[in-house]
Amino acid sequence: MKTFLHYWLINDENPKRYLVDLFITFLICISILSVCLESILGTLPHMMQLIDEVTLFLFIVEYCARFYICSNFRVDYKERGILHACKQKLSWMLQWSSIFDFLAIIPALNYFKTFRMLRYLRLIRLIRLIKAFKIIRDMHKLIIILKGMKEENRVFYIFFSITMLLIFITAFGLYLVENTASNDFSSYSDSLLYALKTIELLDDTPATFIGKILSSFLLLSNIAIFGFFISIISNKIQLLMDTITSGKIQRLNLTNHTIICGYTKSARTVINELLADKKNHNQIVLLTTQAVEDIAGLIYVNADYTEYKSLEKVNISKAKNAIVFAETKATDTLRDVDLRTVMTVFHIEKTAPHVHTIAEINDSQNAEIIQDKINGDEIIYKELIDAKIIHTCIKNPNISNLFYELFGTTHPRIQTTSLTEIAIDNPCTIKQIKQRFIELDKTFLGFIDAYNKPHLSPNNATAVSSDCQLVYI
């Protein structure tokens, strides 16, 4: 039951989870509509009252379900005691989203009917729907554009000043020619107010021919103002988007993004596979000095990834992953390529040790330097992997296709999970884990322990704790 609720309410890997968000949004609209109707009619019709009570009940059920799956109370109680278990539940209840949900369901109780207007707090839940469609990921581009618009050149300020001066002079002209002919222009302030109204409205208040001519001229000048503003904004947006696509970005404000250092055939393949999942759009940053083709959803920064300032430009301290590919230049030897990779991993580990680093290495001796001296997370032995696959294919003919199937053509087949996510008590044995994966219709391969040591196809009696990663297909 807990696995089912986790899959539909929390798991971001569920491709159909947006249906739950759409259903919740529908309930929110119904609930808000009932509050509006009640404020207009005084009391709701019987059918609408019944629908309102059903929606409130569903919100209570959803709140209780999220409270149930926010932590594993039984496991927390066994491992660290009752206080820790209660603290985990309380920390979830004190989150802003949980507080808003709780306040929104209070009116369901008869003693709190006076708080019915708190249901409008459910509008905040629409943020979850926005997140489901991954709109928030594009906010950093909007921030870049808004920052750029604040830095317009002096031509804009000169033109704006002249336009404002023109409005005041025209208003004064209207006052001079109209004050004796119309009571609507008896003072300069009346003329100025009229001048401001013509920005959006066509007005025939002037009684004289000259006054109408001046008002027409004022309207045309206002059209010119808005046309000029729109032109500036459009040009600025285009300039900033060209800056983004050309790689000349001053600094990124991304978080939990993936940084790819170096542009090779392997890097291009990895980028395309990552961008196949739309949640990674505008979360993949490519750092290289090479020319890059335009790829939708990729942020390209033209800079040397071996330098500190380049890594700071792409906000390495807030990144989630950093992959360093063996990018080769015209005069490079394999040693030169590996030295750049070693230097880059060194900078990343020194600047942001929490970032998960993956390095592509040609020479195994250079890989030992990264693992032993720099503490890099993962090393990909480029030539060794090729050699192992070919050797395996020699001993086992026609097995190469299985490797492609294992890694997947569009989505990776090999994935990781934890004991908590598959709802197994901690600790447990490999036999229990295998039985659980059979129930989930998945194939268990092995696990990675707390020291990042792999255990492939362990025996059934092996004990596994909650800090291990379970690997499965």
Protein backbone atom coordinates (compact mmCIF):
# COMPACT_ATOMS: atom_id res chain seq x y z
CA MET A 1 0.00 0.00 0.00
CA LYS A 2 2.77 2.41 0.95
CA THR A 3 4.64 1.65 -2.27
CA PHE A 4 1.51 2.33 -4.30
CA LEU A 5 0.89 5.70 -2.59
CA HIS A 6 4.55 6.68 -2.92
CA TYR A 7 4.48 5.86 -6.64
CA TRP A 8 1.42 8.01 -7.38
CA LEU A 9 1.91 10.91 -4.95
CA ILE A 10 5.69 11.47 -4.69
CA ASN A 11 7.67 9.48 -7.24
CA ASP A 12 8.85 11.92 -9.96
CA GLU A 13 9.78 8.99 -12.20
CA ASN A 14 6.11 8.05 -12.59
CA PRO A 15 5.22 9.34 -16.10
CA LYS A 16 1.50 9.42 -15.21
CA ARG A 17 1.79 11.31 -11.92
CA TYR A 18 0.59 14.48 -13.62
CA LEU A 19 -2.86 12.83 -13.78
CA VAL A 20 -3.02 12.97 -9.98
CA ASP A 21 -2.02 16.65 -10.09
CA LEU A 22 -4.71 17.34 -12.68
CA PHE A 23 -7.32 15.59 -10.55
CA ILE A 24 -6.26 17.57 -7.45
CA THR A 25 -6.44 20.78 -9.49
CA PHE A 26 -9.97 19.87 -10.56
CA LEU A 27 -10.93 19.35 -6.91
CA ILE A 28 -9.39 22.69 -5.98
CA CYS A 29 -11.47 24.46 -8.65
CA ILE A 30 -14.63 22.75 -7.39
CA SER A 31 -13.84 23.72 -3.80
CA ILE A 32 -13.12 27.35 -4.68
CA LEU A 33 -16.32 27.48 -6.76
CA SER A 34 -18.37 26.24 -3.82
CA VAL A 35 -16.92 28.98 -1.58
CA CYS A 36 -17.78 31.63 -4.19
CA LEU A 37 -21.32 30.33 -4.64
CA GLU A 38 -21.86 30.19 -0.90
CA SER A 39 -20.72 33.80 -0.52
CA ILE A 40 -23.24 34.82 -3.24
CA LEU A 41 -26.23 32.58 -2.41
CA GLY A 42 -25.81 32.36 1.36
CA THR A 43 -26.36 28.59 1.36
CA LEU A 44 -25.39 25.99 -1.20
CA PRO A 45 -27.94 23.82 -3.04
CA HIS A 46 -28.20 20.27 -1.75
CA MET A 47 -26.27 18.71 -4.67
CA MET A 48 -23.52 21.33 -4.51
CA GLN A 49 -23.29 20.85 -0.74
CA LEU A 50 -22.82 17.12 -1.28
CA ILE A 51 -20.09 17.71 -3.88
CA ASP A 52 -18.39 20.15 -1.54
CA GLU A 53 -18.34 17.61 1.28
CA VAL A 54 -16.93 14.93 -1.05
CA THR A 55 -14.09 17.22 -2.17
CA LEU A 56 -13.27 18.06 1.44
CA PHE A 57 -13.21 14.36 2.27
CA LEU A 58 -10.84 13.66 -0.62
CA PHE A 59 -8.51 16.43 0.53
CA ILE A 60 -8.44 14.94 4.03
CA VAL A 61 -7.69 11.50 2.59
CA GLU A 62 -4.87 12.93 0.47
CA TYR A 63 -3.38 14.80 3.44
CA CYS A 64 -3.45 11.64 5.57
CA ALA A 65 -1.89 9.61 2.74
CA ARG A 66 0.99 12.08 2.37
CA PHE A 67 1.45 12.09 6.14
CA TYR A 68 1.62 8.29 6.07
CA ILE A 69 4.29 8.02 3.36
CA CYS A 70 6.40 11.07 4.30
CA SER A 71 8.60 8.77 6.44
CA ASN A 72 8.81 5.16 7.57
CA PHE A 73 7.72 5.50 11.19
CA ARG A 74 8.31 1.84 12.06
CA VAL A 75 11.85 1.78 10.67
CA ASP A 76 12.73 5.13 12.27
CA TYR A 77 11.39 3.88 15.60
CA LYS A 78 13.44 0.67 15.45
CA GLU A 79 16.65 2.40 14.35
CA ARG A 80 16.69 5.64 16.36
CA GLY A 81 13.77 5.62 18.79
CA ILE A 82 10.33 7.16 19.15
CA LEU A 83 11.56 10.77 19.31
CA HIS A 84 13.32 10.54 15.96
CA ALA A 85 10.31 8.85 14.38
CA CYS A 86 7.98 11.58 15.63
CA LYS A 87 10.45 14.27 14.56
CA GLN A 88 10.38 12.99 10.97
CA LYS A 89 6.59 13.24 10.86
CA LEU A 90 6.62 16.66 12.55
CA SER A 91 9.20 18.04 10.11
CA TRP A 92 6.87 17.14 7.24
CA MET A 93 3.89 18.76 8.97
CA LEU A 94 5.87 21.99 9.43
CA GLN A 95 6.65 22.33 5.72
CA TRP A 96 4.86 25.27 4.09
CA SER A 97 2.94 23.06 1.65
CA SER A 98 1.77 20.80 4.50
CA ILE A 99 0.72 23.78 6.63
CA PHE A 100 -1.34 25.24 3.77
CA ASP A 101 -2.97 21.86 3.12
CA PHE A 102 -3.84 21.51 6.80
CA LEU A 103 -5.32 25.01 7.04
CA ALA A 104 -7.34 24.36 3.90
CA ILE A 105 -9.00 21.22 5.34
CA ILE A 106 -9.84 22.81 8.72
CA PRO A 107 -13.25 24.05 7.42
CA ALA A 108 -14.28 20.42 6.98
CA LEU A 109 -14.88 20.31 10.75
CA ASN A 110 -18.12 21.79 12.03
CA TYR A 111 -16.33 23.72 14.79
CA PHE A 112 -14.26 25.60 12.20
CA LYS A 113 -16.90 26.61 9.62
CA THR A 114 -15.91 30.26 10.14
CA PHE A 115 -12.59 29.48 8.48
CA ARG A 116 -14.15 28.49 5.15
CA MET A 117 -12.28 31.28 3.35
CA LEU A 118 -9.06 29.44 4.17
CA ARG A 119 -9.91 27.15 1.27
CA TYR A 120 -8.47 29.78 -1.03
CA LEU A 121 -5.10 28.61 0.29
CA ARG A 122 -5.57 25.58 -1.95
CA LEU A 123 -4.73 27.80 -4.89
CA ILE A 124 -1.11 27.44 -3.75
CA ARG A 125 -1.46 23.76 -4.61
CA LEU A 126 -1.52 24.76 -8.27
CA ILE A 127 2.25 25.16 -7.94
CA ARG A 128 2.42 21.37 -7.89
CA LEU A 129 0.67 21.26 -11.24
CA ILE A 130 3.14 23.80 -12.63
CA LYS A 131 5.96 21.64 -11.33
CA ALA A 132 4.38 18.58 -12.93
CA PHE A 133 4.65 20.21 -16.33
CA LYS A 134 8.19 21.39 -15.58
CA ILE A 135 7.56 25.06 -16.15
CA ILE A 136 9.65 26.19 -13.17
CA ARG A 137 12.81 24.90 -14.78
CA ASP A 138 12.65 27.79 -17.31
CA MET A 139 12.53 30.50 -14.64
CA HIS A 140 16.28 31.10 -14.69
CA LYS A 141 16.05 32.27 -18.32
CA LEU A 142 13.35 34.76 -17.35
CA ILE A 143 15.60 36.01 -14.54
CA ILE A 144 18.47 36.45 -17.01
CA ILE A 145 16.19 38.40 -19.36
CA LEU A 146 14.86 40.65 -16.59
CA LYS A 147 18.37 41.40 -15.38
CA GLY A 148 19.40 42.27 -18.91
CA MET A 149 16.45 44.62 -19.36
CA LYS A 150 17.62 46.62 -16.33
CA GLU A 151 20.85 47.43 -18.13
CA GLU A 152 19.49 49.31 -21.18
CA ASN A 153 21.79 51.82 -22.82
CA ARG A 154 21.49 55.57 -22.47
CA VAL A 155 19.51 55.91 -25.74
CA PHE A 156 16.46 54.57 -23.93
CA TYR A 157 16.75 57.11 -21.10
CA ILE A 158 17.27 59.99 -23.56
CA PHE A 159 14.25 58.97 -25.61
CA PHE A 160 12.12 58.48 -22.49
CA SER A 161 13.08 61.91 -21.16
CA ILE A 162 12.25 63.57 -24.50
CA THR A 163 8.90 61.77 -24.65
CA MET A 164 7.92 62.86 -21.14
CA LEU A 165 8.95 66.41 -21.97
CA LEU A 166 6.82 66.22 -25.12
CA ILE A 167 3.79 65.10 -23.10
CA PHE A 168 4.14 68.04 -20.70
CA ILE A 169 4.62 70.54 -23.53
CA THR A 170 1.65 69.17 -25.48
CA ALA A 171 -0.52 69.28 -22.37
CA PHE A 172 0.52 72.90 -21.85
CA GLY A 173 -0.37 73.67 -25.48
CA LEU A 174 -3.80 72.09 -24.97
CA TYR A 175 -4.30 74.26 -21.90
CA LEU A 176 -3.38 77.47 -23.75
CA VAL A 177 -5.68 76.89 -26.74
CA GLU A 178 -8.57 75.18 -24.92
CA ASN A 179 -8.94 76.85 -21.51
CA THR A 180 -11.23 79.60 -22.87
CA ALA A 181 -13.26 77.30 -25.12
CA SER A 182 -13.87 74.32 -22.85
CA ASN A 183 -14.35 73.87 -19.12
CA ASP A 184 -12.58 70.51 -19.37
CA PHE A 185 -9.27 72.35 -19.83
CA SER A 186 -9.73 75.12 -17.30
CA SER A 187 -6.37 74.33 -15.69
CA TYR A 188 -3.06 72.87 -16.71
CA SER A 189 -3.66 69.84 -14.48
CA ASP A 190 -6.85 69.06 -16.46
CA SER A 191 -4.87 69.17 -19.69
CA LEU A 192 -2.14 66.98 -18.27
CA LEU A 193 -4.68 64.40 -17.06
CA TYR A 194 -6.21 64.33 -20.52
CA ALA A 195 -2.77 63.85 -22.05
CA LEU A 196 -2.21 60.84 -19.84
CA LYS A 197 -5.63 59.38 -20.65
CA THR A 198 -4.86 59.36 -24.36
CA ILE A 199 -2.17 56.76 -23.79
CA GLU A 200 -4.91 54.10 -23.84
CA LEU A 201 -8.14 55.86 -24.92
CA LEU A 202 -9.25 57.82 -27.99
CA ASP A 203 -10.94 61.04 -26.76
CA ASP A 204 -12.71 63.83 -28.64
CA THR A 205 -13.04 66.19 -25.68
CA PRO A 206 -11.19 69.13 -27.35
CA ALA A 207 -13.66 71.55 -29.00
CA THR A 208 -11.25 73.43 -31.27
CA PHE A 209 -9.57 72.20 -34.41
CA ILE A 210 -6.09 72.96 -33.10
CA GLY A 211 -6.89 71.10 -29.88
CA LYS A 212 -7.98 68.01 -31.82
CA ILE A 213 -4.83 68.18 -33.93
CA LEU A 214 -2.73 68.36 -30.80
CA SER A 215 -4.63 65.45 -29.23
CA SER A 216 -4.08 63.39 -32.38
CA PHE A 217 -0.40 64.22 -32.30
CA LEU A 218 -0.33 63.17 -28.66
CA LEU A 219 -1.96 59.84 -29.51
CA LEU A 220 0.55 59.21 -32.29
CA SER A 221 3.41 60.01 -29.97
CA ASN A 222 2.05 57.50 -27.47
CA ILE A 223 1.89 54.83 -30.19
CA ALA A 224 5.52 55.64 -30.99
CA ILE A 225 6.40 55.29 -27.30
CA PHE A 226 4.93 51.81 -27.01
CA GLY A 227 6.35 50.76 -30.36
CA PHE A 228 9.80 51.87 -29.26
CA PHE A 229 9.49 50.10 -25.89
CA ILE A 230 8.36 46.85 -27.54
CA SER A 231 11.22 47.11 -30.03
CA ILE A 232 13.76 47.57 -27.23
CA ILE A 233 12.37 44.66 -25.22
CA SER A 234 12.25 42.35 -28.27
CA ASN A 235 15.79 43.24 -29.30
CA LYS A 236 17.04 42.75 -25.77
CA ILE A 237 15.37 39.35 -25.44
CA GLN A 238 16.83 38.30 -28.80
CA LEU A 239 20.27 39.53 -27.74
CA LEU A 240 20.11 37.60 -24.48
CA MET A 241 18.87 34.42 -26.15
CA ASP A 242 21.71 34.72 -28.68
CA THR A 243 24.06 35.09 -25.72
CA ILE A 244 22.69 31.91 -24.17
CA THR A 245 22.96 29.88 -27.37
CA SER A 246 26.44 31.20 -28.22
CA GLY A 247 27.78 30.27 -24.79
CA LYS A 248 28.69 33.82 -23.69
CA ILE A 249 26.84 33.66 -20.37
CA GLN A 250 28.14 35.71 -17.45
CA ARG A 251 26.88 33.42 -14.67
CA LEU A 252 24.21 30.80 -14.14
CA ASN A 253 21.93 30.61 -11.11
CA LEU A 254 20.92 26.96 -11.56
CA THR A 255 20.71 24.41 -8.74
CA ASN A 256 20.79 20.60 -8.84
CA HIS A 257 21.92 20.73 -12.46
CA THR A 258 24.33 18.50 -14.37
CA ILE A 259 27.56 19.97 -15.74
CA ILE A 260 29.23 18.28 -18.71
CA CYS A 261 32.86 19.24 -19.29
CA GLY A 262 34.15 18.61 -22.79
CA TYR A 263 32.36 17.98 -26.08
CA THR A 264 33.00 14.60 -27.72
CA LYS A 265 30.90 12.03 -29.56
CA SER A 266 30.29 10.30 -26.24
CA ALA A 267 29.29 13.61 -24.63
CA ARG A 268 26.86 14.34 -27.47
CA THR A 269 25.25 10.90 -27.04
CA VAL A 270 24.94 11.38 -23.26
CA ILE A 271 23.44 14.85 -23.75
CA ASN A 272 20.84 13.57 -26.19
CA GLU A 273 19.86 10.69 -23.90
CA LEU A 274 19.56 13.01 -20.89
CA LEU A 275 17.47 15.50 -22.85
CA ALA A 276 15.15 12.69 -23.97
CA ASP A 277 13.66 13.14 -20.50
CA LYS A 278 12.02 16.58 -20.57
CA LYS A 279 12.61 17.15 -16.86
CA ASN A 280 16.30 17.59 -17.73
CA HIS A 281 15.66 20.42 -20.19
CA ASN A 282 17.62 23.55 -19.19
CA GLN A 283 19.25 21.55 -16.40
CA ILE A 284 22.14 20.28 -18.54
CA VAL A 285 25.10 22.68 -18.87
CA LEU A 286 27.84 22.03 -21.42
CA LEU A 287 31.21 23.65 -20.67
CA THR A 288 33.64 23.67 -23.59
CA THR A 289 35.55 25.95 -25.98
CA GLN A 290 34.61 23.90 -29.04
CA ALA A 291 31.85 24.84 -31.47
CA VAL A 292 28.57 23.21 -30.46
CA GLU A 293 25.49 22.55 -32.55
CA ASP A 294 22.22 24.03 -31.36
CA ILE A 295 20.49 21.49 -29.08
CA ALA A 296 17.09 22.34 -27.60
CA GLY A 297 17.13 22.22 -23.80
CA LEU A 298 20.95 22.46 -23.51
CA ILE A 299 22.72 25.44 -21.93
CA TYR A 300 26.08 26.00 -23.62
CA VAL A 301 28.88 27.97 -21.95
CA ASN A 302 31.95 28.77 -24.05
CA ALA A 303 34.77 28.53 -21.50
CA ASP A 304 37.77 26.41 -20.50
CA TYR A 305 36.46 23.81 -18.04
CA THR A 306 39.91 23.32 -16.46
CA GLU A 307 39.80 26.83 -14.93
CA TYR A 308 38.31 27.72 -11.55
CA LYS A 309 36.42 30.76 -12.86
CA SER A 310 34.73 28.69 -15.57
CA LEU A 311 33.41 26.22 -13.02
CA GLU A 312 32.23 29.07 -10.81
CA LYS A 313 30.44 30.62 -13.79
CA VAL A 314 28.24 27.53 -14.13
CA ASN A 315 27.60 27.46 -10.35
CA ILE A 316 29.50 24.25 -9.65
CA SER A 317 28.85 24.57 -5.90
CA LYS A 318 25.11 24.06 -6.46
CA ALA A 319 25.40 21.33 -9.10
CA LYS A 320 24.30 17.72 -8.63
CA ASN A 321 26.60 15.93 -11.10
CA ALA A 322 29.73 16.80 -13.04
CA ILE A 323 30.90 14.61 -15.94
CA VAL A 324 34.35 15.21 -17.43
CA PHE A 325 34.81 13.74 -20.91
CA ALA A 326 38.14 13.02 -22.57
CA GLU A 327 37.97 15.95 -24.99
CA THR A 328 40.85 15.86 -27.49
CA LYS A 329 42.41 18.83 -29.27
CA ALA A 330 44.43 18.76 -32.47
CA THR A 331 47.92 18.48 -30.89
CA ASP A 332 46.96 16.50 -27.77
CA THR A 333 48.40 13.19 -26.69
CA LEU A 334 46.38 10.81 -24.52
CA ARG A 335 48.45 11.96 -21.55
CA ASP A 336 47.51 15.62 -22.24
CA VAL A 337 43.82 14.71 -22.37
CA ASP A 338 43.97 12.75 -19.11
CA LEU A 339 45.92 15.53 -17.37
CA ARG A 340 43.17 18.02 -18.21
CA THR A 341 40.61 15.57 -16.85
CA VAL A 342 42.62 15.07 -13.65
CA MET A 343 43.00 18.86 -13.21
CA THR A 344 39.27 19.43 -13.72
CA VAL A 345 38.24 16.74 -11.24
CA PHE A 346 40.74 18.21 -8.75
CA HIS A 347 39.15 21.67 -9.08
CA ILE A 348 35.63 20.25 -8.68
CA GLU A 349 36.51 18.15 -5.61
CA LYS A 350 38.25 21.13 -4.02
CA THR A 351 35.47 23.63 -4.80
CA ALA A 352 32.42 21.38 -4.38
CA PRO A 353 33.27 17.98 -2.84
CA HIS A 354 29.56 17.09 -2.53
CA VAL A 355 29.11 17.10 -6.32
CA HIS A 356 29.10 13.60 -7.81
CA THR A 357 31.96 13.46 -10.35
CA ILE A 358 32.30 11.04 -13.26
CA ALA A 359 35.58 11.13 -15.22
CA GLU A 360 36.37 9.51 -18.56
CA ILE A 361 40.01 8.35 -18.58
CA ASN A 362 42.19 6.79 -21.27
CA ASP A 363 45.14 5.59 -19.17
CA SER A 364 44.45 3.49 -16.05
CA GLN A 365 47.47 5.00 -14.26
CA ASN A 366 45.92 8.45 -14.48
CA ALA A 367 42.68 7.00 -13.12
CA GLU A 368 44.55 5.83 -10.00
CA ILE A 369 45.64 9.43 -9.39
CA ILE A 370 42.02 10.59 -9.43
CA GLN A 371 40.83 7.84 -7.10
CA ASP A 372 43.71 7.86 -4.62
CA LYS A 373 44.86 11.50 -4.54
CA ILE A 374 41.82 13.53 -5.58
CA ASN A 375 38.97 11.32 -4.29
CA GLY A 376 36.96 11.35 -7.52
CA ASP A 377 33.66 9.50 -7.28
CA GLU A 378 33.53 7.43 -10.47
CA ILE A 379 36.11 6.59 -13.15
CA ILE A 380 35.15 5.32 -16.59
CA TYR A 381 38.06 3.43 -18.19
CA LYS A 382 37.41 4.16 -21.83
CA GLU A 383 39.70 1.57 -23.44
CA LEU A 384 39.24 -1.01 -20.67
CA ILE A 385 35.45 -1.09 -21.10
CA ASP A 386 35.79 -1.58 -24.86
CA ALA A 387 38.33 -4.36 -24.34
CA LYS A 388 36.16 -6.15 -21.75
CA ILE A 389 33.08 -6.05 -23.99
CA ILE A 390 35.01 -7.39 -27.00
CA HIS A 391 36.62 -10.14 -24.90
CA THR A 392 33.21 -11.15 -23.55
CA CYS A 393 31.78 -11.26 -27.08
CA ILE A 394 34.65 -13.54 -28.20
CA LYS A 395 33.92 -16.02 -25.41
CA ASN A 396 30.13 -15.66 -25.80
CA PRO A 397 29.17 -15.02 -29.44
CA ASN A 398 26.23 -12.71 -30.22
CA ILE A 399 26.08 -11.36 -26.68
CA SER A 400 26.83 -7.76 -27.70
CA ASN A 401 23.14 -7.03 -28.35
CA LEU A 402 22.43 -7.82 -24.72
CA PHE A 403 24.73 -5.00 -23.67
CA TYR A 404 22.69 -2.53 -25.73
CA GLU A 405 19.48 -3.91 -24.28
CA LEU A 406 20.91 -3.75 -20.77
CA PHE A 407 21.77 -0.08 -21.02
CA GLY A 408 18.61 0.75 -23.00
CA THR A 409 18.19 2.71 -26.21
CA THR A 410 16.03 5.54 -24.85
CA HIS A 411 15.75 5.03 -21.07
CA PRO A 412 18.37 3.23 -18.95
CA ARG A 413 17.30 -0.23 -17.90
CA ILE A 414 19.69 -0.35 -14.94
CA GLN A 415 18.37 1.67 -12.01
CA THR A 416 18.91 2.01 -8.26
CA THR A 417 16.55 2.20 -5.31
CA SER A 418 16.61 1.78 -1.52
CA LEU A 419 14.98 -0.41 1.11
CA THR A 420 12.65 2.43 2.08
CA GLU A 421 11.40 2.98 -1.46
CA ILE A 422 10.47 -0.67 -1.93
CA ALA A 423 8.98 -0.86 1.59
CA ILE A 424 11.32 -3.42 3.19
CA ASP A 425 12.31 -3.34 6.85
CA ASN A 426 15.90 -2.50 7.72
CA PRO A 427 18.09 -4.52 7.95
CA CYS A 428 17.22 -7.47 5.75
CA THR A 429 18.79 -10.24 3.70
CA ILE A 430 19.38 -10.58 -0.03
CA LYS A 431 16.78 -13.35 -0.12
CA GLN A 432 14.08 -10.99 1.17
CA ILE A 433 15.13 -8.36 -1.38
CA LYS A 434 14.97 -10.86 -4.25
CA GLN A 435 11.48 -11.93 -3.19
CA ARG A 436 10.38 -8.29 -3.07
CA PHE A 437 11.73 -7.57 -6.57
CA ILE A 438 9.92 -10.63 -7.91
CA GLU A 439 6.70 -9.13 -6.53
CA LEU A 440 7.55 -5.85 -8.30
CA ASP A 441 8.27 -7.73 -11.56
CA LYS A 442 11.86 -6.48 -11.65
CA THR A 443 15.26 -8.23 -11.74
CA PHE A 444 17.65 -7.70 -8.83
CA LEU A 445 21.36 -7.47 -9.80
CA GLY A 446 23.21 -6.51 -6.63
CA PHE A 447 23.89 -3.59 -4.32
CA ILE A 448 26.39 -0.81 -3.60
CA ASP A 449 27.29 -0.48 0.07
CA ALA A 450 27.91 2.67 2.13
CA TYR A 451 31.57 2.67 1.03
CA ASN A 452 30.56 2.65 -2.67
CA LYS A 453 31.80 -0.91 -3.04
CA PRO A 454 29.78 -2.96 -5.57
CA HIS A 455 28.39 -6.42 -4.75
CA LEU A 456 27.21 -8.21 -7.88
CA SER A 457 24.83 -11.15 -7.41
CA PRO A 458 25.50 -11.59 -3.64
CA ASN A 459 24.46 -14.74 -1.84
CA ASN A 460 21.06 -14.97 -0.15
CA ALA A 461 22.39 -14.74 3.41
CA THR A 462 24.13 -11.36 2.89
CA ALA A 463 22.74 -8.62 5.15
CA VAL A 464 21.81 -5.27 3.62
CA SER A 465 21.19 -1.99 5.49
CA SER A 466 19.22 1.13 4.56
CA ASP A 467 22.32 3.07 3.44
CA CYS A 468 22.90 0.67 0.53
CA GLN A 469 21.83 1.25 -3.06
CA LEU A 470 19.91 -1.62 -4.62
CA VAL A 471 20.66 -2.17 -8.32
CA TYR A 472 17.98 -3.70 -10.52
CA ILE A 473 16.68 -3.95 -14.08
